[in-house]
Structures are given as structure tokens and as C-alpha cells.
Amino acid sequence: MLGTLYLCATPIGNLEDITLRVLRILREADIIAAEDTRNTLKLLNYYNIKTPMTSYHEYNKINKAETLVNKLLEGKNIALVTDAGTPGISDPGEEIVKKAYEAGIQVTSLPGACACITALTLSGLSTRRFAFEAFLPANKKERRAIINSLKEETRTIVIYEAPHHLKSTLSELYAAIGNRQITICRELTKLHETVQLFTLSSAVEYYNSTQPKGEYVLIINGCTFSELETKRQETWQQLSLAEHMDIYLSKGVSKKDAMKKVAFDRGMSKHDVYNSLL
């Protein structure tokens, strides 16, 4: 019989934030694959769990995933844990999950703590739709492209950030997307947990005089649809009406339909477009 890969959500700070099911699987599994065995050992010692551990992290995820899949094929059950929260969310867990499915291994996820959801529910911002960006990339070009793409993101945005990058990230966001509402969560579920509501400009000002400490989750208001419409209209209004018409006429659109499209683009009535062109 094949083994099962269990994705076990562990606490993001408070060691009591763990489910009974996860504790049972951690005890019953043949192996615990941990992102940082030293960190996971604190959790195992707290609950007196003696299951053997092996490391599985960003720097060995390709080769180690193959090793672990072979053990699953031998019938071993493996519990995968990350440093904090749910495996596969902004960590190397996705690699072993993919390889396990390719090998025909059963995978199941044991839900629990997740910093993204915890912060979102604390934010006071809209939770109906959200975009999870995790940690922004270190590559400057890619980072700039992602931040610029957030200008027209209408969903609530969730970003993870380390303390030594927080100031620069806030400044980059403010410069790119303007003065949005932002909730900054620090050290979630831990002794010094704080949740602060800012605008991006006031957040930049605050952290210019306050040294960031701990791990952060940033929750940022998305762009409204009315703001998007205004930006779209402003873009078109940089052209004259005649130039705007020519864009559609050059594509073979009839004059009547071109006027309709120009009116829509600019937030005008078709009648006003007609009179202005005359």
C-alpha cells in the first residue's frame, strides 16, 4: 500500500493554535518533513511528540521531494509542516505536492492557522474578494512590475513582509498606487501582536520614525471601479475627439458605432460627441 502525504497546518505564533487532528497525525506519521527542524522541535516538545523528523526546505526541495515521494511509495506516511501556518502557502510545499500527485500518492490537507486569513479578518477592510501576493520578489524588475500591476487591482491586497524591508515596501507602494487605506498586522497571535489602521502616507510617516520589529502582514484596499473608470476616461481625454474617432475608424468601425465607443470611453453622451466633432 502507498503512504499518504499530510499537509499539516501548525501555529503561526501561539502554540495552542493547532487542531486535535494535526496533533494526532504528527504522532501517527512515520516521518515529519519540516521546513526548519529546530523550529518544529519546539512544537513537538511542547506536545511531547517523538516522531522522527527530516528537513524539507527551499534549498533542497527538488531532490528531497523525490526522496520523500520514494518513501511514500514504500508505504510510509509523511506529515509535512512549514515554519508557521499552512504548508504550500508561500513555502516549498507546493513542489512535493505536485510530485506526489505525479506518483499517484494520496495527498490531504489538515486545515488550521494561516497568517493571510488571520490578518484579512482583522483588517477592517473588505474580505469578499482578495489578492494574495505573499512576499514580493527580490528581483527589482519583477518587483516593480508586480507593484505597478496593483494600481488597477480592485480586490483587497494581502502582502507578507519582513521587518528589514517594510519601510522601502511601504514607500514603493505609496509611490505606485497612491494613498490607499492599509491595515498593518504585526506578530500575529504572539504576545506583542498589533493591528494598526493607516493610510499609506501615514504608514510611511509612522515607520520613518519607528523601527519595524517582527513579521508583518499588509492588507491594502483595492482600487474602486469608479476610480478605474475615471482613470480610463482620463487616458482617452489626452487625445482630441478627432484622434479618438480615427482609432476606431481605422479599424473599420462605422462612424455611428465609432461615436458610441468614443462617448463610452470618455464618459460623454453620443450627442455631445457629435456636436463637438461638428
C-alpha atoms as a PDB file:
ATOM      1  CA  MET A   1       0.000   0.000   0.000  1.00  0.00           C
ATOM      2  CA  LEU A   2       1.093   3.547  -0.745  1.00  0.00           C
ATOM      3  CA  GLY A   3       1.582   6.091   2.001  1.00  0.00           C
ATOM      4  CA  THR A   4      -0.284   9.387   2.383  1.00  0.00           C
ATOM      5  CA  LEU A   5       1.150  12.893   2.371  1.00  0.00           C
ATOM      6  CA  TYR A   6      -0.486  15.013   5.089  1.00  0.00           C
ATOM      7  CA  LEU A   7      -0.186  18.812   4.839  1.00  0.00           C
ATOM      8  CA  CYS A   8      -0.358  19.850   8.494  1.00  0.00           C
ATOM      9  CA  ALA A   9      -1.121  23.453   9.434  1.00  0.00           C
ATOM     10  CA  THR A  10       0.855  24.487  12.514  1.00  0.00           C
ATOM     11  CA  PRO A  11       0.688  27.637  14.695  1.00  0.00           C
ATOM     12  CA  ILE A  12       1.896  30.982  13.341  1.00  0.00           C
ATOM     13  CA  GLY A  13       2.864  32.042  16.859  1.00  0.00           C
ATOM     14  CA  ASN A  14       0.690  30.776  19.680  1.00  0.00           C
ATOM     15  CA  LEU A  15       1.424  27.061  20.188  1.00  0.00           C
ATOM     16  CA  GLU A  16      -2.189  26.445  21.234  1.00  0.00           C
ATOM     17  CA  ASP A  17      -3.420  27.286  17.718  1.00  0.00           C
ATOM     18  CA  ILE A  18      -3.303  23.713  16.433  1.00  0.00           C
ATOM     19  CA  THR A  19      -6.061  21.202  15.768  1.00  0.00           C
ATOM     20  CA  LEU A  20      -6.501  17.865  17.507  1.00  0.00           C
ATOM     21  CA  ARG A  21      -6.362  16.157  14.118  1.00  0.00           C
ATOM     22  CA  VAL A  22      -2.961  17.674  13.289  1.00  0.00           C
ATOM     23  CA  LEU A  23      -1.596  16.561  16.670  1.00  0.00           C
ATOM     24  CA  ARG A  24      -2.839  13.017  16.022  1.00  0.00           C
ATOM     25  CA  ILE A  25      -1.270  12.862  12.546  1.00  0.00           C
ATOM     26  CA  LEU A  26       2.039  14.262  13.816  1.00  0.00           C
ATOM     27  CA  ARG A  27       2.110  11.419  16.355  1.00  0.00           C
ATOM     28  CA  GLU A  28       0.995   8.690  13.940  1.00  0.00           C
ATOM     29  CA  ALA A  29       3.072   9.637  10.870  1.00  0.00           C
ATOM     30  CA  ASP A  30       6.235   7.698  10.080  1.00  0.00           C
ATOM     31  CA  ILE A  31       8.149  10.898   9.280  1.00  0.00           C
ATOM     32  CA  ILE A  32       7.636  14.638   9.771  1.00  0.00           C
ATOM     33  CA  ALA A  33       9.125  16.701   6.926  1.00  0.00           C
ATOM     34  CA  ALA A  34       9.821  20.135   8.417  1.00  0.00           C
ATOM     35  CA  GLU A  35      10.954  23.389   6.830  1.00  0.00           C
ATOM     36  CA  ASP A  36      13.134  24.059   9.902  1.00  0.00           C
ATOM     37  CA  THR A  37      13.570  21.065  12.195  1.00  0.00           C
ATOM     38  CA  ARG A  38      14.829  23.272  15.054  1.00  0.00           C
ATOM     39  CA  ASN A  39      11.694  25.375  14.917  1.00  0.00           C
ATOM     40  CA  THR A  40       9.368  22.372  14.637  1.00  0.00           C
ATOM     41  CA  LEU A  41      11.143  20.651  17.541  1.00  0.00           C
ATOM     42  CA  LYS A  42       9.792  23.343  19.891  1.00  0.00           C
ATOM     43  CA  LEU A  43       6.251  22.427  18.840  1.00  0.00           C
ATOM     44  CA  LEU A  44       6.878  18.684  19.126  1.00  0.00           C
ATOM     45  CA  ASN A  45       8.449  19.051  22.567  1.00  0.00           C
ATOM     46  CA  TYR A  46       5.521  21.187  23.741  1.00  0.00           C
ATOM     47  CA  TYR A  47       3.107  18.357  22.854  1.00  0.00           C
ATOM     48  CA  ASN A  48       5.531  15.508  23.712  1.00  0.00           C
ATOM     49  CA  ILE A  49       5.620  14.150  20.141  1.00  0.00           C
ATOM     50  CA  LYS A  50       8.563  11.858  19.331  1.00  0.00           C
ATOM     51  CA  THR A  51       8.062  11.229  15.588  1.00  0.00           C
ATOM     52  CA  PRO A  52      11.356  11.383  13.624  1.00  0.00           C
ATOM     53  CA  MET A  53      11.939  14.500  11.527  1.00  0.00           C
ATOM     54  CA  THR A  54      13.727  15.301   8.295  1.00  0.00           C
ATOM     55  CA  SER A  55      14.365  18.684   6.706  1.00  0.00           C
ATOM     56  CA  TYR A  56      12.467  19.854   3.626  1.00  0.00           C
ATOM     57  CA  HIS A  57      13.057  23.475   2.649  1.00  0.00           C
ATOM     58  CA  GLU A  58      13.562  25.896  -0.244  1.00  0.00           C
ATOM     59  CA  TYR A  59      17.172  24.847  -0.887  1.00  0.00           C
ATOM     60  CA  ASN A  60      16.626  21.088  -1.064  1.00  0.00           C
ATOM     61  CA  LYS A  61      13.009  20.953  -2.260  1.00  0.00           C
ATOM     62  CA  ILE A  62      13.708  19.307  -5.635  1.00  0.00           C
ATOM     63  CA  ASN A  63      15.943  16.402  -4.591  1.00  0.00           C
ATOM     64  CA  LYS A  64      14.350  15.956  -1.173  1.00  0.00           C
ATOM     65  CA  ALA A  65      10.865  15.841  -2.692  1.00  0.00           C
ATOM     66  CA  GLU A  66      11.962  12.855  -4.797  1.00  0.00           C
ATOM     67  CA  THR A  67      13.390  11.141  -1.706  1.00  0.00           C
ATOM     68  CA  LEU A  68      10.192  11.707   0.254  1.00  0.00           C
ATOM     69  CA  VAL A  69       7.989  10.527  -2.615  1.00  0.00           C
ATOM     70  CA  ASN A  70      10.004   7.290  -2.738  1.00  0.00           C
ATOM     71  CA  LYS A  71       9.270   6.764   0.951  1.00  0.00           C
ATOM     72  CA  LEU A  72       5.568   7.395   0.277  1.00  0.00           C
ATOM     73  CA  LEU A  73       5.736   4.776  -2.496  1.00  0.00           C
ATOM     74  CA  GLU A  74       7.189   2.354   0.084  1.00  0.00           C
ATOM     75  CA  GLY A  75       4.081   2.881   2.228  1.00  0.00           C
ATOM     76  CA  LYS A  76       5.403   5.477   4.673  1.00  0.00           C
ATOM     77  CA  ASN A  77       3.024   8.219   5.839  1.00  0.00           C
ATOM     78  CA  ILE A  78       4.582  11.702   5.873  1.00  0.00           C
ATOM     79  CA  ALA A  79       3.385  14.811   7.705  1.00  0.00           C
ATOM     80  CA  LEU A  80       4.595  17.989   6.026  1.00  0.00           C
ATOM     81  CA  VAL A  81       4.904  21.127   8.174  1.00  0.00           C
ATOM     82  CA  THR A  82       6.147  24.622   7.471  1.00  0.00           C
ATOM     83  CA  ASP A  83       7.792  27.052   9.889  1.00  0.00           C
ATOM     84  CA  ALA A  84       4.408  28.610  10.610  1.00  0.00           C
ATOM     85  CA  GLY A  85       0.934  28.233   9.160  1.00  0.00           C
ATOM     86  CA  THR A  86      -0.270  26.093   6.280  1.00  0.00           C
ATOM     87  CA  PRO A  87       2.198  24.185   4.039  1.00  0.00           C
ATOM     88  CA  GLY A  88       2.122  25.175   0.381  1.00  0.00           C
ATOM     89  CA  ILE A  89       1.276  28.824   1.090  1.00  0.00           C
ATOM     90  CA  SER A  90       4.378  30.898   0.314  1.00  0.00           C
ATOM     91  CA  ASP A  91       6.706  27.971   1.043  1.00  0.00           C
ATOM     92  CA  PRO A  92       8.250  24.981  -0.822  1.00  0.00           C
ATOM     93  CA  GLY A  93       5.359  22.631  -0.024  1.00  0.00           C
ATOM     94  CA  GLU A  94       3.843  23.005  -3.488  1.00  0.00           C
ATOM     95  CA  GLU A  95       6.786  21.124  -5.035  1.00  0.00           C
ATOM     96  CA  ILE A  96       6.292  17.895  -3.091  1.00  0.00           C
ATOM     97  CA  VAL A  97       2.522  18.067  -3.554  1.00  0.00           C
ATOM     98  CA  LYS A  98       2.997  18.201  -7.339  1.00  0.00           C
ATOM     99  CA  LYS A  99       5.452  15.286  -7.317  1.00  0.00           C
ATOM    100  CA  ALA A 100       3.216  13.236  -5.021  1.00  0.00           C
ATOM    101  CA  TYR A 101       0.280  13.567  -7.420  1.00  0.00           C
ATOM    102  CA  GLU A 102       2.525  12.630 -10.354  1.00  0.00           C
ATOM    103  CA  ALA A 103       3.448   9.445  -8.480  1.00  0.00           C
ATOM    104  CA  GLY A 104      -0.162   8.581  -7.673  1.00  0.00           C
ATOM    105  CA  ILE A 105       0.197   9.367  -3.969  1.00  0.00           C
ATOM    106  CA  GLN A 106      -2.807  10.462  -1.927  1.00  0.00           C
ATOM    107  CA  VAL A 107      -2.470  13.995  -0.536  1.00  0.00           C
ATOM    108  CA  THR A 108      -4.710  15.540   2.103  1.00  0.00           C
ATOM    109  CA  SER A 109      -4.611  18.928   3.814  1.00  0.00           C
ATOM    110  CA  LEU A 110      -5.330  19.389   7.502  1.00  0.00           C
ATOM    111  CA  PRO A 111      -6.593  22.976   7.876  1.00  0.00           C
ATOM    112  CA  GLY A 112      -5.521  25.375  10.575  1.00  0.00           C
ATOM    113  CA  ALA A 113      -3.623  28.603  11.110  1.00  0.00           C
ATOM    114  CA  CYS A 114      -2.785  30.837   8.125  1.00  0.00           C
ATOM    115  CA  ALA A 115      -1.367  34.361   8.542  1.00  0.00           C
ATOM    116  CA  CYS A 116      -3.064  35.599   5.363  1.00  0.00           C
ATOM    117  CA  ILE A 117      -6.592  34.756   6.553  1.00  0.00           C
ATOM    118  CA  THR A 118      -5.921  35.803  10.155  1.00  0.00           C
ATOM    119  CA  ALA A 119      -4.730  39.248   9.022  1.00  0.00           C
ATOM    120  CA  LEU A 120      -7.540  39.664   6.497  1.00  0.00           C
ATOM    121  CA  THR A 121     -10.218  39.064   9.116  1.00  0.00           C
ATOM    122  CA  LEU A 122      -8.544  41.585  11.450  1.00  0.00           C
ATOM    123  CA  SER A 123      -8.074  44.261   8.803  1.00  0.00           C
ATOM    124  CA  GLY A 124     -11.415  46.037   8.865  1.00  0.00           C
ATOM    125  CA  LEU A 125     -11.252  46.076   5.036  1.00  0.00           C
ATOM    126  CA  SER A 126     -13.366  44.155   2.541  1.00  0.00           C
ATOM    127  CA  THR A 127     -12.882  40.381   2.798  1.00  0.00           C
ATOM    128  CA  ARG A 128     -15.225  39.295  -0.023  1.00  0.00           C
ATOM    129  CA  ARG A 129     -12.515  39.342  -2.706  1.00  0.00           C
ATOM    130  CA  PHE A 130      -8.788  39.439  -2.104  1.00  0.00           C
ATOM    131  CA  ALA A 131      -5.484  39.030  -3.952  1.00  0.00           C
ATOM    132  CA  PHE A 132      -2.702  37.267  -2.067  1.00  0.00           C
ATOM    133  CA  GLU A 133       0.750  38.447  -3.191  1.00  0.00           C
ATOM    134  CA  ALA A 134       2.755  36.745  -0.371  1.00  0.00           C
ATOM    135  CA  PHE A 135       6.337  38.117  -0.260  1.00  0.00           C
ATOM    136  CA  LEU A 136       7.157  40.493  -3.114  1.00  0.00           C
ATOM    137  CA  PRO A 137      10.042  39.212  -5.291  1.00  0.00           C
ATOM    138  CA  ALA A 138      13.608  40.303  -4.580  1.00  0.00           C
ATOM    139  CA  ASN A 139      14.309  40.892  -8.282  1.00  0.00           C
ATOM    140  CA  LYS A 140      13.886  44.660  -8.777  1.00  0.00           C
ATOM    141  CA  LYS A 141      12.356  44.470 -12.250  1.00  0.00           C
ATOM    142  CA  GLU A 142       9.842  41.779 -11.300  1.00  0.00           C
ATOM    143  CA  ARG A 143       9.056  43.540  -8.025  1.00  0.00           C
ATOM    144  CA  ARG A 144       8.390  46.841  -9.803  1.00  0.00           C
ATOM    145  CA  ALA A 145       6.143  45.119 -12.366  1.00  0.00           C
ATOM    146  CA  ILE A 146       4.039  43.456  -9.643  1.00  0.00           C
ATOM    147  CA  ILE A 147       3.680  46.654  -7.594  1.00  0.00           C
ATOM    148  CA  ASN A 148       2.671  48.608 -10.718  1.00  0.00           C
ATOM    149  CA  SER A 149       0.076  45.940 -11.541  1.00  0.00           C
ATOM    150  CA  LEU A 150      -1.595  46.652  -8.190  1.00  0.00           C
ATOM    151  CA  LYS A 151      -2.649  50.118  -9.403  1.00  0.00           C
ATOM    152  CA  GLU A 152      -5.754  48.634 -11.009  1.00  0.00           C
ATOM    153  CA  GLU A 153      -6.301  45.727  -8.581  1.00  0.00           C
ATOM    154  CA  THR A 154      -9.890  46.013  -7.329  1.00  0.00           C
ATOM    155  CA  ARG A 155      -9.582  43.245  -4.731  1.00  0.00           C
ATOM    156  CA  THR A 156      -8.194  43.719  -1.216  1.00  0.00           C
ATOM    157  CA  ILE A 157      -4.433  43.053  -1.407  1.00  0.00           C
ATOM    158  CA  VAL A 158      -2.509  40.910   1.113  1.00  0.00           C
ATOM    159  CA  ILE A 159       1.302  41.096   1.266  1.00  0.00           C
ATOM    160  CA  TYR A 160       3.787  39.462   3.648  1.00  0.00           C
ATOM    161  CA  GLU A 161       6.839  41.491   4.645  1.00  0.00           C
ATOM    162  CA  ALA A 162       9.949  41.133   6.786  1.00  0.00           C
ATOM    163  CA  PRO A 163      10.905  43.993   9.141  1.00  0.00           C
ATOM    164  CA  HIS A 164      14.082  44.993   7.276  1.00  0.00           C
ATOM    165  CA  HIS A 165      12.134  45.554   4.030  1.00  0.00           C
ATOM    166  CA  LEU A 166       8.992  47.144   5.478  1.00  0.00           C
ATOM    167  CA  LYS A 167       9.943  50.824   5.094  1.00  0.00           C
ATOM    168  CA  SER A 168      11.021  50.520   1.470  1.00  0.00           C
ATOM    169  CA  THR A 169       7.971  48.411   0.576  1.00  0.00           C
ATOM    170  CA  LEU A 170       5.561  50.959   2.064  1.00  0.00           C
ATOM    171  CA  SER A 171       7.292  53.779   0.175  1.00  0.00           C
ATOM    172  CA  GLU A 172       7.196  51.835  -3.105  1.00  0.00           C
ATOM    173  CA  LEU A 173       3.508  51.039  -2.671  1.00  0.00           C
ATOM    174  CA  TYR A 174       2.632  54.652  -1.853  1.00  0.00           C
ATOM    175  CA  ALA A 175       4.524  55.935  -4.894  1.00  0.00           C
ATOM    176  CA  ALA A 176       2.883  53.397  -7.210  1.00  0.00           C
ATOM    177  CA  ILE A 177      -0.745  53.092  -6.076  1.00  0.00           C
ATOM    178  CA  GLY A 178      -1.364  56.288  -4.115  1.00  0.00           C
ATOM    179  CA  ASN A 179      -2.811  56.938  -0.704  1.00  0.00           C
ATOM    180  CA  ARG A 180      -4.912  53.801  -0.114  1.00  0.00           C
ATOM    181  CA  GLN A 181      -6.210  52.551   3.222  1.00  0.00           C
ATOM    182  CA  ILE A 182      -3.869  49.938   4.746  1.00  0.00           C
ATOM    183  CA  THR A 183      -4.004  47.743   7.832  1.00  0.00           C
ATOM    184  CA  ILE A 184      -0.631  46.590   9.158  1.00  0.00           C
ATOM    185  CA  CYS A 185      -0.631  43.436  11.308  1.00  0.00           C
ATOM    186  CA  ARG A 186       2.490  42.587  13.287  1.00  0.00           C
ATOM    187  CA  GLU A 187       3.417  39.411  15.192  1.00  0.00           C
ATOM    188  CA  LEU A 188       0.010  37.785  14.708  1.00  0.00           C
ATOM    189  CA  THR A 189      -1.163  35.541  17.605  1.00  0.00           C
ATOM    190  CA  LYS A 190       2.021  36.322  19.560  1.00  0.00           C
ATOM    191  CA  LEU A 191       2.499  38.256  22.797  1.00  0.00           C
ATOM    192  CA  HIS A 192       3.212  41.560  21.032  1.00  0.00           C
ATOM    193  CA  GLU A 193       0.517  41.314  18.338  1.00  0.00           C
ATOM    194  CA  THR A 194      -0.513  44.721  16.979  1.00  0.00           C
ATOM    195  CA  VAL A 195      -3.051  45.748  14.352  1.00  0.00           C
ATOM    196  CA  GLN A 196      -2.826  49.349  13.092  1.00  0.00           C
ATOM    197  CA  LEU A 197      -5.030  51.126  10.568  1.00  0.00           C
ATOM    198  CA  PHE A 198      -3.332  53.743   8.371  1.00  0.00           C
ATOM    199  CA  THR A 199      -3.371  55.408   5.012  1.00  0.00           C
ATOM    200  CA  LEU A 200      -0.248  54.542   3.031  1.00  0.00           C
ATOM    201  CA  SER A 201       1.110  58.070   3.514  1.00  0.00           C
ATOM    202  CA  SER A 202       0.634  57.946   7.288  1.00  0.00           C
ATOM    203  CA  ALA A 203       2.152  54.438   7.406  1.00  0.00           C
ATOM    204  CA  VAL A 204       5.262  55.705   5.598  1.00  0.00           C
ATOM    205  CA  GLU A 205       5.488  58.627   8.031  1.00  0.00           C
ATOM    206  CA  TYR A 206       4.986  56.386  11.080  1.00  0.00           C
ATOM    207  CA  TYR A 207       7.725  53.911  10.113  1.00  0.00           C
ATOM    208  CA  ASN A 208      10.145  56.695   9.233  1.00  0.00           C
ATOM    209  CA  SER A 209      10.298  57.331  12.980  1.00  0.00           C
ATOM    210  CA  THR A 210       9.532  53.810  14.274  1.00  0.00           C
ATOM    211  CA  GLN A 211      11.869  50.848  13.841  1.00  0.00           C
ATOM    212  CA  PRO A 212       9.991  47.819  12.427  1.00  0.00           C
ATOM    213  CA  LYS A 213      10.189  44.673  14.567  1.00  0.00           C
ATOM    214  CA  GLY A 214       8.685  41.255  13.973  1.00  0.00           C
ATOM    215  CA  GLU A 215       6.870  39.744  10.984  1.00  0.00           C
ATOM    216  CA  TYR A 216       4.306  41.824   9.113  1.00  0.00           C
ATOM    217  CA  VAL A 217       1.193  41.289   7.011  1.00  0.00           C
ATOM    218  CA  LEU A 218      -0.028  44.261   4.958  1.00  0.00           C
ATOM    219  CA  ILE A 219      -3.696  44.461   3.923  1.00  0.00           C
ATOM    220  CA  ILE A 220      -4.417  47.188   1.391  1.00  0.00           C
ATOM    221  CA  ASN A 221      -7.670  48.492  -0.042  1.00  0.00           C
ATOM    222  CA  GLY A 222      -8.194  47.709  -3.702  1.00  0.00           C
ATOM    223  CA  CYS A 223      -8.924  50.320  -6.345  1.00  0.00           C
ATOM    224  CA  THR A 224     -12.663  51.074  -6.716  1.00  0.00           C
ATOM    225  CA  PHE A 225     -14.416  50.529 -10.033  1.00  0.00           C
ATOM    226  CA  SER A 226     -15.286  54.237 -10.181  1.00  0.00           C
ATOM    227  CA  GLU A 227     -11.576  55.089  -9.824  1.00  0.00           C
ATOM    228  CA  LEU A 228     -10.771  52.696 -12.662  1.00  0.00           C
ATOM    229  CA  GLU A 229     -13.411  54.316 -14.849  1.00  0.00           C
ATOM    230  CA  THR A 230     -12.064  57.795 -14.082  1.00  0.00           C
ATOM    231  CA  LYS A 231      -8.513  56.696 -14.965  1.00  0.00           C
ATOM    232  CA  ARG A 232      -9.731  55.154 -18.218  1.00  0.00           C
ATOM    233  CA  GLN A 233     -11.558  58.324 -19.190  1.00  0.00           C
ATOM    234  CA  GLU A 234      -8.557  60.492 -18.317  1.00  0.00           C
ATOM    235  CA  THR A 235      -6.360  58.351 -20.561  1.00  0.00           C
ATOM    236  CA  TRP A 236      -8.681  58.807 -23.544  1.00  0.00           C
ATOM    237  CA  GLN A 237      -9.071  62.524 -22.890  1.00  0.00           C
ATOM    238  CA  GLN A 238      -5.400  63.018 -23.674  1.00  0.00           C
ATOM    239  CA  LEU A 239      -6.451  62.589 -27.317  1.00  0.00           C
ATOM    240  CA  SER A 240      -8.574  65.007 -29.282  1.00  0.00           C
ATOM    241  CA  LEU A 241     -12.038  63.756 -30.272  1.00  0.00           C
ATOM    242  CA  ALA A 242     -10.936  63.532 -33.893  1.00  0.00           C
ATOM    243  CA  GLU A 243      -7.870  61.441 -32.968  1.00  0.00           C
ATOM    244  CA  HIS A 244     -10.045  59.238 -30.778  1.00  0.00           C
ATOM    245  CA  MET A 245     -12.535  58.710 -33.634  1.00  0.00           C
ATOM    246  CA  ASP A 246      -9.726  57.877 -36.064  1.00  0.00           C
ATOM    247  CA  ILE A 247      -8.599  54.977 -33.851  1.00  0.00           C
ATOM    248  CA  TYR A 248     -11.941  53.224 -34.343  1.00  0.00           C
ATOM    249  CA  LEU A 249     -12.461  54.307 -37.953  1.00  0.00           C
ATOM    250  CA  SER A 250      -9.050  52.872 -38.870  1.00  0.00           C
ATOM    251  CA  LYS A 251     -10.243  49.508 -37.553  1.00  0.00           C
ATOM    252  CA  GLY A 252     -13.219  49.515 -39.914  1.00  0.00           C
ATOM    253  CA  VAL A 253     -15.815  50.575 -37.332  1.00  0.00           C
ATOM    254  CA  SER A 254     -18.693  52.574 -38.800  1.00  0.00           C
ATOM    255  CA  LYS A 255     -18.875  56.283 -37.998  1.00  0.00           C
ATOM    256  CA  LYS A 256     -22.034  55.799 -35.954  1.00  0.00           C
ATOM    257  CA  ASP A 257     -20.567  52.967 -33.873  1.00  0.00           C
ATOM    258  CA  ALA A 258     -17.258  54.820 -33.503  1.00  0.00           C
ATOM    259  CA  MET A 259     -19.140  57.750 -31.956  1.00  0.00           C
ATOM    260  CA  LYS A 260     -20.816  55.375 -29.496  1.00  0.00           C
ATOM    261  CA  LYS A 261     -17.473  53.913 -28.487  1.00  0.00           C
ATOM    262  CA  VAL A 262     -15.850  57.340 -28.124  1.00  0.00           C
ATOM    263  CA  ALA A 263     -18.784  58.532 -25.999  1.00  0.00           C
ATOM    264  CA  PHE A 264     -18.417  55.475 -23.738  1.00  0.00           C
ATOM    265  CA  ASP A 265     -14.639  55.828 -23.448  1.00  0.00           C
ATOM    266  CA  ARG A 266     -14.856  59.485 -22.440  1.00  0.00           C
ATOM    267  CA  GLY A 267     -17.962  59.335 -20.252  1.00  0.00           C
ATOM    268  CA  MET A 268     -19.847  61.620 -22.662  1.00  0.00           C
ATOM    269  CA  SER A 269     -23.174  61.383 -24.431  1.00  0.00           C
ATOM    270  CA  LYS A 270     -23.188  60.442 -28.108  1.00  0.00           C
ATOM    271  CA  HIS A 271     -24.974  63.729 -28.805  1.00  0.00           C
ATOM    272  CA  ASP A 272     -22.168  65.758 -27.192  1.00  0.00           C
ATOM    273  CA  VAL A 273     -19.550  63.858 -29.189  1.00  0.00           C
ATOM    274  CA  TYR A 274     -21.457  64.569 -32.421  1.00  0.00           C
ATOM    275  CA  ASN A 275     -21.822  68.300 -31.660  1.00  0.00           C
ATOM    276  CA  SER A 276     -18.170  68.615 -30.622  1.00  0.00           C
ATOM    277  CA  LEU A 277     -16.967  66.989 -33.832  1.00  0.00           C
ATOM    278  CA  LEU A 278     -19.154  69.317 -35.905  1.00  0.00           C
END
